[in-house]
Protein backbone atom coordinates (compact mmCIF):
# COMPACT_ATOMS: atom_id res chain seq x y z
CA MET A 1 157.13 151.87 107.26
CA LEU A 2 153.59 153.28 107.83
CA THR A 3 151.63 154.73 105.12
CA SER A 4 147.99 155.13 106.21
CA ILE A 5 145.30 153.82 108.71
CA SER A 6 141.80 152.45 107.95
CA PRO A 7 139.57 152.35 111.07
CA LYS A 8 137.16 149.40 111.46
CA LEU A 9 133.88 149.95 113.03
CA PRO A 10 130.89 148.17 114.03
CA MET A 11 127.67 147.97 111.93
CA ARG A 12 124.26 146.44 112.63
CA ASP A 13 122.71 146.63 109.27
CA LYS A 14 124.78 147.19 106.19
CA ALA A 15 122.14 148.76 104.24
CA LEU A 16 121.45 151.63 106.68
CA THR A 17 125.46 152.13 106.90
CA LYS A 18 126.03 152.30 103.47
CA ASP A 19 122.69 154.70 102.92
CA PHE A 20 123.91 157.06 105.54
CA TYR A 21 127.79 157.13 104.51
CA LEU A 22 126.92 157.57 100.95
CA ASN A 23 123.89 159.47 100.90
CA LYS A 24 124.59 161.78 103.82
CA LEU A 25 128.35 161.90 104.00
CA SER A 26 129.07 161.48 100.14
CA PHE A 27 131.39 158.70 100.53
CA LYS A 28 131.78 156.28 97.63
CA VAL A 29 131.66 152.22 98.16
CA LEU A 30 135.29 150.79 97.49
CA GLY A 31 134.31 147.32 98.76
CA ASP A 32 130.93 145.64 99.66
CA TYR A 33 130.92 142.28 100.83
CA GLU A 34 128.72 139.92 102.69
CA ASP A 35 129.31 141.17 106.23
CA TYR A 36 131.84 143.83 105.39
CA LEU A 37 131.77 147.36 103.92
CA ILE A 38 134.59 149.56 102.83
CA VAL A 39 133.63 153.21 101.98
CA ARG A 40 136.08 156.09 100.94
CA LYS A 41 136.05 159.86 100.36
CA GLY A 42 139.20 161.58 99.54
CA HIS A 43 142.13 159.93 101.15
CA ILE A 44 139.56 158.72 104.01
CA GLU A 45 138.90 154.97 103.98
CA ILE A 46 136.67 153.40 106.64
CA HIS A 47 136.11 149.88 107.17
CA PHE A 48 132.77 148.31 108.89
CA PHE A 49 132.15 144.80 110.11
CA GLU A 50 128.88 143.41 110.78
CA PHE A 51 127.78 142.98 114.41
CA LYS A 52 124.15 142.63 114.45
CA GLU A 53 124.22 142.25 118.25
CA LEU A 54 125.49 145.55 118.93
CA ASP A 55 123.68 147.97 121.35
CA PRO A 56 124.41 151.46 120.24
CA LYS A 57 124.11 152.72 123.58
CA GLU A 58 127.41 150.74 124.54
CA ASN A 59 129.24 151.45 121.36
CA TYR A 60 132.16 153.33 121.95
CA GLY A 61 133.40 153.40 118.32
CA GLN A 62 135.24 156.38 117.24
CA VAL A 63 137.25 158.12 114.57
CA TYR A 64 139.04 161.59 114.23
CA ILE A 65 139.08 162.58 110.51
CA ARG A 66 141.23 165.82 109.62
CA THR A 67 139.88 168.05 106.98
CA ASP A 68 141.45 171.27 105.56
CA ASP A 69 138.08 172.88 104.65
CA ILE A 70 136.10 172.40 107.77
CA ASP A 71 133.69 175.29 107.36
CA ASN A 72 132.64 173.91 104.01
CA LEU A 73 132.38 170.70 105.23
CA TYR A 74 130.21 171.37 108.05
CA GLN A 75 127.88 173.60 105.94
CA ALA A 76 127.40 170.90 103.30
CA LEU A 77 126.24 168.35 106.06
CA LEU A 78 124.01 170.89 107.62
CA ASP A 79 122.52 171.55 103.95
CA ASN A 80 122.26 167.64 103.77
CA LYS A 81 120.33 167.47 106.98
CA VAL A 82 122.78 165.42 108.68
CA ALA A 83 122.32 165.54 112.40
CA ILE A 84 125.53 166.91 114.47
CA HIS A 85 126.28 165.69 117.73
CA PRO A 86 124.34 167.95 120.51
CA ASN A 87 127.63 168.41 122.06
CA GLY A 88 129.71 168.61 119.02
CA HIS A 89 128.77 171.60 117.09
CA LEU A 90 131.73 173.43 115.30
CA GLN A 91 133.85 175.40 117.62
CA ASN A 92 137.45 176.07 118.42
CA LYS A 93 138.99 174.09 120.78
CA PRO A 94 142.01 174.76 123.03
CA TRP A 95 144.26 172.19 121.77
CA GLY A 96 144.34 174.25 118.45
CA GLN A 97 141.81 172.47 116.34
CA LYS A 98 138.30 173.61 115.13
CA GLU A 99 136.30 170.63 115.28
CA PHE A 100 132.47 169.18 114.87
CA ALA A 101 131.11 165.64 115.68
CA LEU A 102 128.31 163.45 114.27
CA LEU A 103 127.01 159.86 115.31
CA ASP A 104 126.42 157.34 112.47
CA PRO A 105 123.50 155.09 112.51
CA ASP A 106 125.57 152.70 115.17
CA ASN A 107 126.77 155.78 117.40
CA ASN A 108 130.14 155.25 116.15
CA LEU A 109 131.29 159.18 116.87
CA LEU A 110 132.95 160.98 114.02
CA THR A 111 134.86 164.12 114.78
CA PHE A 112 136.16 166.26 112.20
CA GLY A 113 139.07 168.74 112.88
CA GLN A 114 141.21 171.04 111.06
CA ALA A 115 144.24 172.77 112.58
CA LEU A 116 143.69 176.64 113.57
CA LYS A 117 145.89 179.13 111.87
CA LYS A 118 148.19 180.63 114.30
């Protein structure tokens, strides 16, 4: 039986990735290894593997993260000066989600979504 999923995303510089997720997105370190990093916030766990040759312009890493408090999360990120993706500001989508998106230092796309109330 399946119980959870933990995406694995590329990172060029562990210190930069760690700083972004801890200080901008308020994640905590769950595991810190030579070329691997695991961060956690609530029930969300993201793994990162070192990929120094990664060209961020060619990175298509993406994660969809569901939340139950999207308005406050969005405002907290704005207050913390986190850059929202130019095409990813908070909005209601036709597929019944309220969403916004941002890019991490390696251009991994993080989309946050909450089901719209019917």
